[in-house]
Amino acid sequence: KTFLNYHSNSAQRLTKICGFKMNTLFVLKCIVQEHPIMMIFCLWVLTVLIFSYVIRILEQENPIFDFKNYYNSIWYCLVTLTSIGYGDFFPKTPLGKICKIYITTNFFYDLINLKLPHLLRRGEFSAHL
């Protein structure tokens, strides 16, 4: 329903008057502005699923840990993204290690530097707690 609200005829007229392009990126920006906590959660889940698959592919030759099992890869990404780091699974290949560094630095950078200050300014973060 939210996507349709921002992609209606009235929204198209308004964006034309203001000089914006009505496209999918505009609609996604509007949804992020309206529901930032939901978008952070959706991006987090999507990040876990994508990087679980990537780690599974990169670490197939790892003889010590069973990354061929997709659930183990999901567990590894969940533990890595929540910064718990149990150490029960870790990548052995150089590409797997680079992927792990990318997962942690990129996700936390996006979350902390881009979303949280915006939420704190709007006062929504405390309202959702």
Protein backbone atom coordinates (compact mmCIF):
# COMPACT_ATOMS: atom_id res chain seq x y z
CA LYS A 1 0.00 0.00 0.00
CA THR A 2 2.82 2.42 0.81
CA PHE A 3 4.43 1.96 -2.61
CA LEU A 4 1.13 2.79 -4.28
CA ASN A 5 0.70 5.96 -2.19
CA TYR A 6 3.93 7.42 -3.56
CA HIS A 7 3.36 6.18 -7.09
CA SER A 8 -0.13 7.67 -7.57
CA ASN A 9 -1.20 10.22 -10.16
CA SER A 10 -1.22 13.05 -7.61
CA ALA A 11 2.33 12.19 -6.53
CA GLN A 12 3.41 12.17 -10.17
CA ARG A 13 1.90 15.63 -10.72
CA LEU A 14 3.56 16.95 -7.56
CA THR A 15 6.99 15.63 -8.53
CA LYS A 16 6.60 17.10 -12.00
CA ILE A 17 5.77 20.52 -10.52
CA CYS A 18 8.75 20.35 -8.12
CA GLY A 19 11.13 19.13 -10.81
CA PHE A 20 11.76 15.64 -9.44
CA LYS A 21 11.79 12.45 -11.45
CA MET A 22 9.11 9.96 -10.45
CA ASN A 23 10.87 6.60 -10.41
CA THR A 24 11.42 3.66 -8.11
CA LEU A 25 14.34 5.35 -6.35
CA PHE A 26 12.11 8.30 -5.43
CA VAL A 27 9.49 5.94 -4.03
CA LEU A 28 12.09 4.05 -1.99
CA LYS A 29 13.43 7.31 -0.56
CA CYS A 30 9.91 8.27 0.49
CA ILE A 31 9.40 4.91 2.19
CA VAL A 32 12.72 5.26 4.04
CA GLN A 33 11.64 8.69 5.27
CA GLU A 34 8.28 7.39 6.43
CA HIS A 35 9.31 4.03 7.96
CA PRO A 36 13.05 4.13 8.84
CA ILE A 37 13.01 1.39 11.49
CA MET A 38 11.20 -1.03 9.17
CA MET A 39 13.70 -0.29 6.41
CA ILE A 40 16.68 -0.88 8.72
CA PHE A 41 15.23 -4.24 9.72
CA CYS A 42 14.52 -5.23 6.10
CA LEU A 43 18.02 -4.21 5.03
CA TRP A 44 19.50 -6.17 7.92
CA VAL A 45 17.61 -9.34 6.94
CA LEU A 46 18.52 -8.87 3.29
CA THR A 47 22.17 -8.35 4.24
CA VAL A 48 22.20 -11.56 6.28
CA LEU A 49 20.66 -13.60 3.47
CA ILE A 50 22.88 -12.22 0.71
CA PHE A 51 26.15 -12.48 2.62
CA SER A 52 25.25 -15.93 3.93
CA TYR A 53 25.01 -17.07 0.35
CA VAL A 54 28.26 -15.32 -0.60
CA ILE A 55 30.14 -16.87 2.34
CA ARG A 56 28.66 -20.25 1.49
CA ILE A 57 30.03 -19.98 -2.06
CA LEU A 58 33.44 -18.59 -1.05
CA GLU A 59 34.07 -21.07 1.77
CA GLN A 60 33.02 -24.32 0.10
CA GLU A 61 36.58 -25.60 0.18
CA ASN A 62 36.96 -24.97 3.92
CA PRO A 63 37.77 -28.43 5.39
CA ILE A 64 37.35 -27.38 9.02
CA PHE A 65 33.90 -25.75 9.04
CA ASP A 66 30.80 -26.83 7.15
CA PHE A 67 29.84 -23.69 5.25
CA LYS A 68 28.14 -25.86 2.63
CA ASN A 69 25.19 -25.98 5.01
CA TYR A 70 23.26 -22.76 4.41
CA TYR A 71 22.11 -22.60 8.04
CA ASN A 72 25.71 -22.52 9.24
CA SER A 73 26.36 -19.64 6.86
CA ILE A 74 23.32 -17.77 8.18
CA TRP A 75 24.50 -18.42 11.75
CA TYR A 76 27.94 -17.08 10.88
CA CYS A 77 26.50 -13.89 9.35
CA LEU A 78 24.13 -13.33 12.27
CA VAL A 79 26.94 -13.71 14.79
CA THR A 80 29.21 -11.46 12.73
CA LEU A 81 26.64 -8.70 12.21
CA THR A 82 25.61 -8.61 15.85
CA SER A 83 29.33 -8.39 16.76
CA ILE A 84 29.09 -11.32 19.17
CA GLY A 85 31.77 -13.32 17.39
CA TYR A 86 31.60 -16.70 19.13
CA GLY A 87 34.43 -18.06 16.98
CA ASP A 88 32.71 -21.35 16.23
CA PHE A 89 32.77 -20.50 12.49
CA PHE A 90 35.26 -18.29 10.71
CA PRO A 91 36.46 -18.01 7.11
CA LYS A 92 39.78 -19.57 6.08
CA THR A 93 40.09 -18.40 2.47
CA PRO A 94 41.36 -14.90 1.64
CA LEU A 95 38.15 -14.04 -0.23
CA GLY A 96 36.08 -15.18 2.73
CA LYS A 97 38.10 -12.97 5.07
CA ILE A 98 37.69 -9.98 2.75
CA CYS A 99 33.95 -10.64 2.60
CA LYS A 100 33.78 -10.75 6.41
CA ILE A 101 35.58 -7.42 6.68
CA TYR A 102 33.23 -5.93 4.11
CA ILE A 103 30.15 -7.27 5.91
CA THR A 104 31.09 -5.77 9.27
CA THR A 105 32.48 -2.43 8.18
CA ASN A 106 29.93 -1.63 5.49
CA PHE A 107 26.84 -2.62 7.45
CA PHE A 108 27.85 -0.87 10.66
CA TYR A 109 28.95 2.24 8.77
CA ASP A 110 25.61 2.46 7.01
CA LEU A 111 23.63 1.83 10.17
CA ILE A 112 25.48 4.14 12.54
CA ASN A 113 26.52 7.01 10.29
CA LEU A 114 23.55 7.24 7.97
CA LYS A 115 20.43 6.14 9.84
CA LEU A 116 20.82 6.73 13.57
CA PRO A 117 21.58 10.50 13.45
CA HIS A 118 18.60 10.96 11.17
CA LEU A 119 16.35 9.04 13.55
CA LEU A 120 17.63 10.91 16.57
CA ARG A 121 16.99 14.27 14.92
CA ARG A 122 13.43 13.30 14.12
CA GLY A 123 12.87 11.83 17.59
CA GLU A 124 11.65 8.55 16.16
CA PHE A 125 14.27 6.32 17.70
CA SER A 126 13.07 6.88 21.25
CA ALA A 127 9.45 6.63 20.10
CA HIS A 128 10.05 3.09 18.76
CA LEU A 129 11.79 1.82 21.88
